[in-house]
Amino acid sequence: EGTNTPPFSFNYHGVASSGSNLFSSWSVVRSDTVLDKNR
């Protein structure tokens, strides 16, 4: 859904990525690739 809140977290310059607005100013690019008929 183009979420800017990923299902992982980390600390960056003492700020936790989860529960904060860390990613709100970051740009996000998405790409999709069909690997085979099931993936």
PDB file of all heavy atoms in Angstrom:
ATOM      1  N   GLU A   1       0.806  -1.217   0.000  1.00  0.00           N
ATOM      2  CA  GLU A   1       0.000   0.000   0.000  1.00  0.00           C
ATOM      3  C   GLU A   1       0.839   1.266   0.000  1.00  0.00           C
ATOM      4  O   GLU A   1       0.332   2.350   0.250  1.00  0.00           O
ATOM      5  CB  GLU A   1      -0.958   0.010   1.200  1.00  0.00           C
ATOM      6  CG  GLU A   1      -2.050  -1.017   1.082  1.00  0.00           C
ATOM      7  CD  GLU A   1      -3.037  -0.971   2.235  1.00  0.00           C
ATOM      8  OE1 GLU A   1      -2.784  -0.269   3.229  1.00  0.00           O
ATOM      9  OE2 GLU A   1      -4.057  -1.652   2.125  1.00  0.00           O
ATOM     10  N   GLY A   2       2.125   1.154  -0.276  1.00  0.00           N
ATOM     11  CA  GLY A   2       2.969   2.338  -0.298  1.00  0.00           C
ATOM     12  C   GLY A   2       3.219   2.927   1.076  1.00  0.00           C
ATOM     13  O   GLY A   2       3.460   4.105   1.230  1.00  0.00           O
ATOM     14  N   THR A   3       3.163   2.078   2.075  1.00  0.00           N
ATOM     15  CA  THR A   3       3.342   2.545   3.439  1.00  0.00           C
ATOM     16  C   THR A   3       4.734   3.129   3.634  1.00  0.00           C
ATOM     17  O   THR A   3       5.695   2.699   3.013  1.00  0.00           O
ATOM     18  CB  THR A   3       3.108   1.400   4.445  1.00  0.00           C
ATOM     19  OG1 THR A   3       3.258   1.937   5.755  1.00  0.00           O
ATOM     20  CG2 THR A   3       4.097   0.266   4.282  1.00  0.00           C
ATOM     21  N   ASN A   4       4.822   4.119   4.472  1.00  0.00           N
ATOM     22  CA  ASN A   4       6.117   4.671   4.836  1.00  0.00           C
ATOM     23  C   ASN A   4       6.499   4.213   6.240  1.00  0.00           C
ATOM     24  O   ASN A   4       7.380   4.766   6.857  1.00  0.00           O
ATOM     25  CB  ASN A   4       6.084   6.203   4.761  1.00  0.00           C
ATOM     26  CG  ASN A   4       7.320   6.744   4.083  1.00  0.00           C
ATOM     27  OD1 ASN A   4       7.947   6.073   3.281  1.00  0.00           O
ATOM     28  ND2 ASN A   4       7.685   7.961   4.408  1.00  0.00           N
ATOM     29  N   THR A   5       5.792   3.193   6.750  1.00  0.00           N
ATOM     30  CA  THR A   5       6.090   2.611   8.049  1.00  0.00           C
ATOM     31  C   THR A   5       6.401   1.133   7.843  1.00  0.00           C
ATOM     32  O   THR A   5       5.504   0.302   7.804  1.00  0.00           O
ATOM     33  CB  THR A   5       4.890   2.766   9.004  1.00  0.00           C
ATOM     34  OG1 THR A   5       4.519   4.138   9.048  1.00  0.00           O
ATOM     35  CG2 THR A   5       5.250   2.290  10.392  1.00  0.00           C
ATOM     36  N   PRO A   6       7.661   0.791   7.691  1.00  0.00           N
ATOM     37  CA  PRO A   6       8.017  -0.598   7.408  1.00  0.00           C
ATOM     38  C   PRO A   6       7.853  -1.518   8.613  1.00  0.00           C
ATOM     39  O   PRO A   6       7.824  -1.046   9.753  1.00  0.00           O
ATOM     40  CB  PRO A   6       9.490  -0.506   7.002  1.00  0.00           C
ATOM     41  CG  PRO A   6       9.983   0.730   7.658  1.00  0.00           C
ATOM     42  CD  PRO A   6       8.810   1.675   7.741  1.00  0.00           C
ATOM     43  N   PRO A   7       7.753  -2.832   8.375  1.00  0.00           N
ATOM     44  CA  PRO A   7       7.585  -3.798   9.470  1.00  0.00           C
ATOM     45  C   PRO A   7       8.919  -4.222  10.094  1.00  0.00           C
ATOM     46  O   PRO A   7       9.113  -5.356  10.463  1.00  0.00           O
ATOM     47  CB  PRO A   7       6.893  -4.968   8.785  1.00  0.00           C
ATOM     48  CG  PRO A   7       7.449  -4.939   7.407  1.00  0.00           C
ATOM     49  CD  PRO A   7       7.604  -3.473   7.074  1.00  0.00           C
ATOM     50  N   PHE A   8       9.851  -3.300  10.193  1.00  0.00           N
ATOM     51  CA  PHE A   8      11.129  -3.533  10.870  1.00  0.00           C
ATOM     52  C   PHE A   8      11.501  -2.222  11.541  1.00  0.00           C
ATOM     53  O   PHE A   8      10.897  -1.177  11.272  1.00  0.00           O
ATOM     54  CB  PHE A   8      12.229  -3.981   9.894  1.00  0.00           C
ATOM     55  CG  PHE A   8      12.465  -3.035   8.756  1.00  0.00           C
ATOM     56  CD1 PHE A   8      13.304  -1.943   8.887  1.00  0.00           C
ATOM     57  CD2 PHE A   8      11.845  -3.235   7.532  1.00  0.00           C
ATOM     58  CE1 PHE A   8      13.512  -1.061   7.842  1.00  0.00           C
ATOM     59  CE2 PHE A   8      12.043  -2.371   6.475  1.00  0.00           C
ATOM     60  CZ  PHE A   8      12.884  -1.276   6.631  1.00  0.00           C
ATOM     61  N   SER A   9      12.473  -2.273  12.430  1.00  0.00           N
ATOM     62  CA  SER A   9      12.855  -1.042  13.118  1.00  0.00           C
ATOM     63  C   SER A   9      14.352  -1.036  13.397  1.00  0.00           C
ATOM     64  O   SER A   9      15.014  -2.079  13.376  1.00  0.00           O
ATOM     65  CB  SER A   9      12.068  -0.891  14.422  1.00  0.00           C
ATOM     66  OG  SER A   9      12.402  -1.946  15.301  1.00  0.00           O
ATOM     67  N   PHE A  10      14.853   0.164  13.655  1.00  0.00           N
ATOM     68  CA  PHE A  10      16.258   0.362  13.989  1.00  0.00           C
ATOM     69  C   PHE A  10      16.384   1.741  14.636  1.00  0.00           C
ATOM     70  O   PHE A  10      15.450   2.539  14.611  1.00  0.00           O
ATOM     71  CB  PHE A  10      17.155   0.255  12.747  1.00  0.00           C
ATOM     72  CG  PHE A  10      16.812   1.250  11.664  1.00  0.00           C
ATOM     73  CD1 PHE A  10      17.457   2.472  11.591  1.00  0.00           C
ATOM     74  CD2 PHE A  10      15.850   0.947  10.716  1.00  0.00           C
ATOM     75  CE1 PHE A  10      17.140   3.389  10.605  1.00  0.00           C
ATOM     76  CE2 PHE A  10      15.528   1.847   9.715  1.00  0.00           C
ATOM     77  CZ  PHE A  10      16.166   3.074   9.661  1.00  0.00           C
ATOM     78  N   ASN A  11      17.537   2.023  15.216  1.00  0.00           N
ATOM     79  CA  ASN A  11      17.826   3.343  15.778  1.00  0.00           C
ATOM     80  C   ASN A  11      18.776   4.071  14.842  1.00  0.00           C
ATOM     81  O   ASN A  11      19.743   3.490  14.346  1.00  0.00           O
ATOM     82  CB  ASN A  11      18.469   3.228  17.158  1.00  0.00           C
ATOM     83  CG  ASN A  11      17.477   2.826  18.208  1.00  0.00           C
ATOM     84  OD1 ASN A  11      16.297   3.141  18.114  1.00  0.00           O
ATOM     85  ND2 ASN A  11      17.936   2.119  19.224  1.00  0.00           N
ATOM     86  N   TYR A  12      18.484   5.346  14.599  1.00  0.00           N
ATOM     87  CA  TYR A  12      19.300   6.173  13.716  1.00  0.00           C
ATOM     88  C   TYR A  12      19.519   7.521  14.385  1.00  0.00           C
ATOM     89  O   TYR A  12      18.554   8.245  14.639  1.00  0.00           O
ATOM     90  CB  TYR A  12      18.602   6.319  12.367  1.00  0.00           C
ATOM     91  CG  TYR A  12      19.348   7.139  11.351  1.00  0.00           C
ATOM     92  CD1 TYR A  12      20.604   6.737  10.918  1.00  0.00           C
ATOM     93  CD2 TYR A  12      18.807   8.292  10.825  1.00  0.00           C
ATOM     94  CE1 TYR A  12      21.294   7.473   9.984  1.00  0.00           C
ATOM     95  CE2 TYR A  12      19.486   9.037   9.887  1.00  0.00           C
ATOM     96  CZ  TYR A  12      20.727   8.625   9.472  1.00  0.00           C
ATOM     97  OH  TYR A  12      21.424   9.354   8.543  1.00  0.00           O
ATOM     98  N   HIS A  13      20.759   7.828  14.714  1.00  0.00           N
ATOM     99  CA  HIS A  13      21.094   9.047  15.449  1.00  0.00           C
ATOM    100  C   HIS A  13      20.279   9.148  16.740  1.00  0.00           C
ATOM    101  O   HIS A  13      19.779  10.217  17.098  1.00  0.00           O
ATOM    102  CB  HIS A  13      20.869  10.292  14.595  1.00  0.00           C
ATOM    103  CG  HIS A  13      21.829  10.454  13.469  1.00  0.00           C
ATOM    104  ND1 HIS A  13      23.189  10.556  13.643  1.00  0.00           N
ATOM    105  CD2 HIS A  13      21.613  10.544  12.134  1.00  0.00           C
ATOM    106  CE1 HIS A  13      23.782  10.693  12.479  1.00  0.00           C
ATOM    107  NE2 HIS A  13      22.846  10.671  11.536  1.00  0.00           N
ATOM    108  N   GLY A  14      20.103   8.013  17.408  1.00  0.00           N
ATOM    109  CA  GLY A  14      19.397   7.989  18.676  1.00  0.00           C
ATOM    110  C   GLY A  14      17.881   8.034  18.573  1.00  0.00           C
ATOM    111  O   GLY A  14      17.204   8.122  19.577  1.00  0.00           O
ATOM    112  N   VAL A  15      17.341   7.977  17.353  1.00  0.00           N
ATOM    113  CA  VAL A  15      15.894   8.009  17.156  1.00  0.00           C
ATOM    114  C   VAL A  15      15.439   6.644  16.661  1.00  0.00           C
ATOM    115  O   VAL A  15      15.987   6.112  15.686  1.00  0.00           O
ATOM    116  CB  VAL A  15      15.503   9.095  16.120  1.00  0.00           C
ATOM    117  CG1 VAL A  15      14.003   9.072  15.866  1.00  0.00           C
ATOM    118  CG2 VAL A  15      15.953  10.463  16.597  1.00  0.00           C
ATOM    119  N   ALA A  16      14.458   6.072  17.338  1.00  0.00           N
ATOM    120  CA  ALA A  16      13.906   4.780  16.909  1.00  0.00           C
ATOM    121  C   ALA A  16      13.060   4.987  15.659  1.00  0.00           C
ATOM    122  O   ALA A  16      12.280   5.938  15.580  1.00  0.00           O
ATOM    123  CB  ALA A  16      13.064   4.172  18.016  1.00  0.00           C
ATOM    124  N   SER A  17      13.216   4.100  14.689  1.00  0.00           N
ATOM    125  CA  SER A  17      12.429   4.228  13.461  1.00  0.00           C
ATOM    126  C   SER A  17      10.967   3.883  13.682  1.00  0.00           C
ATOM    127  O   SER A  17      10.093   4.421  13.003  1.00  0.00           O
ATOM    128  CB  SER A  17      13.008   3.338  12.354  1.00  0.00           C
ATOM    129  OG  SER A  17      12.915   1.978  12.708  1.00  0.00           O
ATOM    130  N   SER A  18      10.681   3.014  14.631  1.00  0.00           N
ATOM    131  CA  SER A  18       9.282   2.675  14.924  1.00  0.00           C
ATOM    132  C   SER A  18       8.736   3.653  15.955  1.00  0.00           C
ATOM    133  O   SER A  18       9.437   4.079  16.861  1.00  0.00           O
ATOM    134  CB  SER A  18       9.173   1.248  15.442  1.00  0.00           C
ATOM    135  OG  SER A  18       9.884   1.125  16.655  1.00  0.00           O
ATOM    136  N   GLY A  19       7.486   4.027  15.779  1.00  0.00           N
ATOM    137  CA  GLY A  19       6.848   4.919  16.720  1.00  0.00           C
ATOM    138  C   GLY A  19       7.281   6.372  16.604  1.00  0.00           C
ATOM    139  O   GLY A  19       6.966   7.190  17.449  1.00  0.00           O
ATOM    140  N   SER A  20       8.024   6.696  15.560  1.00  0.00           N
ATOM    141  CA  SER A  20       8.451   8.083  15.357  1.00  0.00           C
ATOM    142  C   SER A  20       8.134   8.494  13.919  1.00  0.00           C
ATOM    143  O   SER A  20       7.628   7.702  13.127  1.00  0.00           O
ATOM    144  CB  SER A  20       9.953   8.220  15.618  1.00  0.00           C
ATOM    145  OG  SER A  20      10.694   7.585  14.588  1.00  0.00           O
ATOM    146  N   ASN A  21       8.465   9.697  13.587  1.00  0.00           N
ATOM    147  CA  ASN A  21       8.260  10.188  12.225  1.00  0.00           C
ATOM    148  C   ASN A  21       9.540  10.116  11.403  1.00  0.00           C
ATOM    149  O   ASN A  21       9.710  10.887  10.464  1.00  0.00           O
ATOM    150  CB  ASN A  21       7.747  11.639  12.261  1.00  0.00           C
ATOM    151  CG  ASN A  21       6.358  11.729  12.837  1.00  0.00           C
ATOM    152  OD1 ASN A  21       5.554  10.817  12.665  1.00  0.00           O
ATOM    153  ND2 ASN A  21       6.072  12.812  13.526  1.00  0.00           N
ATOM    154  N   LEU A  22      10.432   9.217  11.770  1.00  0.00           N
ATOM    155  CA  LEU A  22      11.729   9.143  11.100  1.00  0.00           C
ATOM    156  C   LEU A  22      11.591   9.018   9.590  1.00  0.00           C
ATOM    157  O   LEU A  22      12.257   9.723   8.843  1.00  0.00           O
ATOM    158  CB  LEU A  22      12.535   7.958  11.650  1.00  0.00           C
ATOM    159  CG  LEU A  22      13.935   7.790  11.067  1.00  0.00           C
ATOM    160  CD1 LEU A  22      14.829   8.941  11.501  1.00  0.00           C
ATOM    161  CD2 LEU A  22      14.542   6.477  11.508  1.00  0.00           C
ATOM    162  N   PHE A  23      10.708   8.155   9.112  1.00  0.00           N
ATOM    163  CA  PHE A  23      10.583   7.920   7.678  1.00  0.00           C
ATOM    164  C   PHE A  23       9.688   8.945   6.970  1.00  0.00           C
ATOM    165  O   PHE A  23       9.604   8.936   5.751  1.00  0.00           O
ATOM    166  CB  PHE A  23      10.013   6.519   7.406  1.00  0.00           C
ATOM    167  CG  PHE A  23      11.043   5.429   7.538  1.00  0.00           C
ATOM    168  CD1 PHE A  23      11.017   4.577   8.627  1.00  0.00           C
ATOM    169  CD2 PHE A  23      12.012   5.253   6.578  1.00  0.00           C
ATOM    170  CE1 PHE A  23      11.943   3.563   8.754  1.00  0.00           C
ATOM    171  CE2 PHE A  23      12.951   4.244   6.695  1.00  0.00           C
ATOM    172  CZ  PHE A  23      12.927   3.395   7.780  1.00  0.00           C
ATOM    173  N   SER A  24       9.019   9.823   7.712  1.00  0.00           N
ATOM    174  CA  SER A  24       8.047  10.722   7.083  1.00  0.00           C
ATOM    175  C   SER A  24       8.672  11.669   6.070  1.00  0.00           C
ATOM    176  O   SER A  24       8.028  12.053   5.097  1.00  0.00           O
ATOM    177  CB  SER A  24       7.283  11.514   8.144  1.00  0.00           C
ATOM    178  OG  SER A  24       8.176  12.352   8.849  1.00  0.00           O
ATOM    179  N   SER A  25       9.927  12.045   6.242  1.00  0.00           N
ATOM    180  CA  SER A  25      10.575  12.956   5.296  1.00  0.00           C
ATOM    181  C   SER A  25      11.446  12.221   4.279  1.00  0.00           C
ATOM    182  O   SER A  25      12.058  12.854   3.425  1.00  0.00           O
ATOM    183  CB  SER A  25      11.417  13.980   6.057  1.00  0.00           C
ATOM    184  OG  SER A  25      12.461  13.327   6.755  1.00  0.00           O
ATOM    185  N   TRP A  26      11.520  10.918   4.365  1.00  0.00           N
ATOM    186  CA  TRP A  26      12.339  10.144   3.445  1.00  0.00           C
ATOM    187  C   TRP A  26      11.525   9.818   2.191  1.00  0.00           C
ATOM    188  O   TRP A  26      10.327   9.586   2.256  1.00  0.00           O
ATOM    189  CB  TRP A  26      12.799   8.850   4.083  1.00  0.00           C
ATOM    190  CG  TRP A  26      13.723   8.999   5.264  1.00  0.00           C
ATOM    191  CD1 TRP A  26      13.792  10.033   6.147  1.00  0.00           C
ATOM    192  CD2 TRP A  26      14.696   8.062   5.692  1.00  0.00           C
ATOM    193  NE1 TRP A  26      14.740   9.793   7.094  1.00  0.00           N
ATOM    194  CE2 TRP A  26      15.322   8.582   6.837  1.00  0.00           C
ATOM    195  CE3 TRP A  26      15.095   6.820   5.225  1.00  0.00           C
ATOM    196  CZ2 TRP A  26      16.329   7.914   7.507  1.00  0.00           C
ATOM    197  CZ3 TRP A  26      16.102   6.146   5.904  1.00  0.00           C
ATOM    198  CH2 TRP A  26      16.715   6.699   7.024  1.00  0.00           C
ATOM    199  N   SER A  27      12.194   9.756   1.068  1.00  0.00           N
ATOM    200  CA  SER A  27      11.498   9.322  -0.149  1.00  0.00           C
ATOM    201  C   SER A  27      11.516   7.796  -0.199  1.00  0.00           C
ATOM    202  O   SER A  27      12.425   7.154   0.322  1.00  0.00           O
ATOM    203  CB  SER A  27      12.171   9.904  -1.395  1.00  0.00           C
ATOM    204  OG  SER A  27      13.488   9.423  -1.514  1.00  0.00           O
ATOM    205  N   VAL A  28      10.496   7.223  -0.812  1.00  0.00           N
ATOM    206  CA  VAL A  28      10.410   5.770  -0.935  1.00  0.00           C
ATOM    207  C   VAL A  28      10.131   5.414  -2.391  1.00  0.00           C
ATOM    208  O   VAL A  28       9.327   6.056  -3.056  1.00  0.00           O
ATOM    209  CB  VAL A  28       9.345   5.167   0.012  1.00  0.00           C
ATOM    210  CG1 VAL A  28       7.964   5.694  -0.295  1.00  0.00           C
ATOM    211  CG2 VAL A  28       9.378   3.661  -0.003  1.00  0.00           C
ATOM    212  N   VAL A  29      10.854   4.403  -2.880  1.00  0.00           N
ATOM    213  CA  VAL A  29      10.688   3.903  -4.243  1.00  0.00           C
ATOM    214  C   VAL A  29      10.391   2.419  -4.152  1.00  0.00           C
ATOM    215  O   VAL A  29      11.043   1.691  -3.390  1.00  0.00           O
ATOM    216  CB  VAL A  29      11.955   4.143  -5.093  1.00  0.00           C
ATOM    217  CG1 VAL A  29      11.821   3.518  -6.462  1.00  0.00           C
ATOM    218  CG2 VAL A  29      12.250   5.622  -5.200  1.00  0.00           C
ATOM    219  N   ARG A  30       9.430   1.987  -4.938  1.00  0.00           N
ATOM    220  CA  ARG A  30       9.021   0.580  -4.919  1.00  0.00           C
ATOM    221  C   ARG A  30       9.154  -0.011  -6.310  1.00  0.00           C
ATOM    222  O   ARG A  30       8.828   0.635  -7.307  1.00  0.00           O
ATOM    223  CB  ARG A  30       7.578   0.469  -4.465  1.00  0.00           C
ATOM    224  CG  ARG A  30       7.125  -0.956  -4.392  1.00  0.00           C
ATOM    225  CD  ARG A  30       5.706  -1.044  -3.925  1.00  0.00           C
ATOM    226  NE  ARG A  30       5.160  -2.223  -4.579  1.00  0.00           N
ATOM    227  CZ  ARG A  30       3.906  -2.437  -4.770  1.00  0.00           C
ATOM    228  NH1 ARG A  30       3.026  -1.570  -4.384  1.00  0.00           N
ATOM    229  NH2 ARG A  30       3.499  -3.525  -5.358  1.00  0.00           N
ATOM    230  N   SER A  31       9.623  -1.258  -6.368  1.00  0.00           N
ATOM    231  CA  SER A  31       9.650  -1.992  -7.635  1.00  0.00           C
ATOM    232  C   SER A  31       9.216  -3.426  -7.374  1.00  0.00           C
ATOM    233  O   SER A  31       9.408  -3.957  -6.286  1.00  0.00           O
ATOM    234  CB  SER A  31      11.047  -1.958  -8.266  1.00  0.00           C
ATOM    235  OG  SER A  31      11.979  -2.645  -7.464  1.00  0.00           O
ATOM    236  N   ASP A  32       8.596  -4.019  -8.378  1.00  0.00           N
ATOM    237  CA  ASP A  32       8.113  -5.393  -8.293  1.00  0.00           C
ATOM    238  C   ASP A  32       8.681  -6.182  -9.463  1.00  0.00           C
ATOM    239  O   ASP A  32       8.699  -5.681 -10.586  1.00  0.00           O
ATOM    240  CB  ASP A  32       6.578  -5.437  -8.349  1.00  0.00           C
ATOM    241  CG  ASP A  32       5.936  -4.635  -7.238  1.00  0.00           C
ATOM    242  OD1 ASP A  32       6.377  -4.778  -6.083  1.00  0.00           O
ATOM    243  OD2 ASP A  32       5.020  -3.860  -7.529  1.00  0.00           O
ATOM    244  N   THR A  33       9.119  -7.401  -9.183  1.00  0.00           N
ATOM    245  CA  THR A  33       9.683  -8.269 -10.211  1.00  0.00           C
ATOM    246  C   THR A  33       9.090  -9.663 -10.063  1.00  0.00           C
ATOM    247  O   THR A  33       9.145 -10.242  -8.975  1.00  0.00           O
ATOM    248  CB  THR A  33      11.226  -8.367 -10.068  1.00  0.00           C
ATOM    249  OG1 THR A  33      11.772  -7.057 -10.082  1.00  0.00           O
ATOM    250  CG2 THR A  33      11.826  -9.197 -11.176  1.00  0.00           C
ATOM    251  N   VAL A  34       8.540 -10.191 -11.140  1.00  0.00           N
ATOM    252  CA  VAL A  34       8.044 -11.568 -11.128  1.00  0.00           C
ATOM    253  C   VAL A  34       9.248 -12.486 -11.300  1.00  0.00           C
ATOM    254  O   VAL A  34       9.956 -12.412 -12.318  1.00  0.00           O
ATOM    255  CB  VAL A  34       7.006 -11.796 -12.250  1.00  0.00           C
ATOM    256  CG1 VAL A  34       6.586 -13.260 -12.283  1.00  0.00           C
ATOM    257  CG2 VAL A  34       5.802 -10.895 -12.059  1.00  0.00           C
ATOM    258  N   LEU A  35       9.498 -13.324 -10.300  1.00  0.00           N
ATOM    259  CA  LEU A  35      10.641 -14.240 -10.348  1.00  0.00           C
ATOM    260  C   LEU A  35      10.302 -15.527 -11.081  1.00  0.00           C
ATOM    261  O   LEU A  35      11.116 -16.067 -11.813  1.00  0.00           O
ATOM    262  CB  LEU A  35      11.128 -14.555  -8.932  1.00  0.00           C
ATOM    263  CG  LEU A  35      11.582 -13.348  -8.105  1.00  0.00           C
ATOM    264  CD1 LEU A  35      11.937 -13.784  -6.688  1.00  0.00           C
ATOM    265  CD2 LEU A  35      12.759 -12.652  -8.774  1.00  0.00           C
ATOM    266  N   ASP A  36       9.118 -16.044 -10.825  1.00  0.00           N
ATOM    267  CA  ASP A  36       8.597 -17.211 -11.526  1.00  0.00           C
ATOM    268  C   ASP A  36       7.099 -17.269 -11.277  1.00  0.00           C
ATOM    269  O   ASP A  36       6.538 -16.323 -10.728  1.00  0.00           O
ATOM    270  CB  ASP A  36       9.316 -18.514 -11.108  1.00  0.00           C
ATOM    271  CG  ASP A  36       9.256 -18.799  -9.619  1.00  0.00           C
ATOM    272  OD1 ASP A  36       8.197 -18.540  -8.988  1.00  0.00           O
ATOM    273  OD2 ASP A  36      10.247 -19.295  -9.059  1.00  0.00           O
ATOM    274  N   LYS A  37       6.447 -18.361 -11.654  1.00  0.00           N
ATOM    275  CA  LYS A  37       4.985 -18.409 -11.551  1.00  0.00           C
ATOM    276  C   LYS A  37       4.474 -18.373 -10.110  1.00  0.00           C
ATOM    277  O   LYS A  37       3.309 -18.087  -9.878  1.00  0.00           O
ATOM    278  CB  LYS A  37       4.418 -19.628 -12.282  1.00  0.00           C
ATOM    279  CG  LYS A  37       4.725 -20.942 -11.627  1.00  0.00           C
ATOM    280  CD  LYS A  37       4.088 -22.090 -12.384  1.00  0.00           C
ATOM    281  CE  LYS A  37       4.296 -23.389 -11.613  1.00  0.00           C
ATOM    282  NZ  LYS A  37       3.485 -24.456 -12.162  1.00  0.00           N
ATOM    283  N   ASN A  38       5.335 -18.635  -9.123  1.00  0.00           N
ATOM    284  CA  ASN A  38       4.901 -18.673  -7.729  1.00  0.00           C
ATOM    285  C   ASN A  38       5.536 -17.612  -6.835  1.00  0.00           C
ATOM    286  O   ASN A  38       5.221 -17.554  -5.650  1.00  0.00           O
ATOM    287  CB  ASN A  38       5.184 -20.044  -7.115  1.00  0.00           C
ATOM    288  CG  ASN A  38       4.318 -21.129  -7.724  1.00  0.00           C
ATOM    289  OD1 ASN A  38       3.127 -20.922  -7.938  1.00  0.00           O
ATOM    290  ND2 ASN A  38       4.908 -22.259  -8.025  1.00  0.00           N
ATOM    291  N   ARG A  39       6.435 -16.787  -7.389  1.00  0.00           N
ATOM    292  CA  ARG A  39       7.134 -15.823  -6.536  1.00  0.00           C
ATOM    293  C   ARG A  39       7.202 -14.441  -7.182  1.00  0.00           C
ATOM    294  O   ARG A  39       7.481 -14.327  -8.369  1.00  0.00           O
ATOM    295  CB  ARG A  39       8.564 -16.279  -6.240  1.00  0.00           C
ATOM    296  CG  ARG A  39       8.654 -17.588  -5.486  1.00  0.00           C
ATOM    297  CD  ARG A  39      10.087 -17.992  -5.246  1.00  0.00           C
ATOM    298  NE  ARG A  39      10.793 -18.066  -6.517  1.00  0.00           N
ATOM    299  CZ  ARG A  39      12.104 -17.826  -6.646  1.00  0.00           C
ATOM    300  NH1 ARG A  39      12.842 -17.503  -5.608  1.00  0.00           N
ATOM    301  NH2 ARG A  39      12.675 -17.921  -7.834  1.00  0.00           N
TER     302      ARG A  39
END
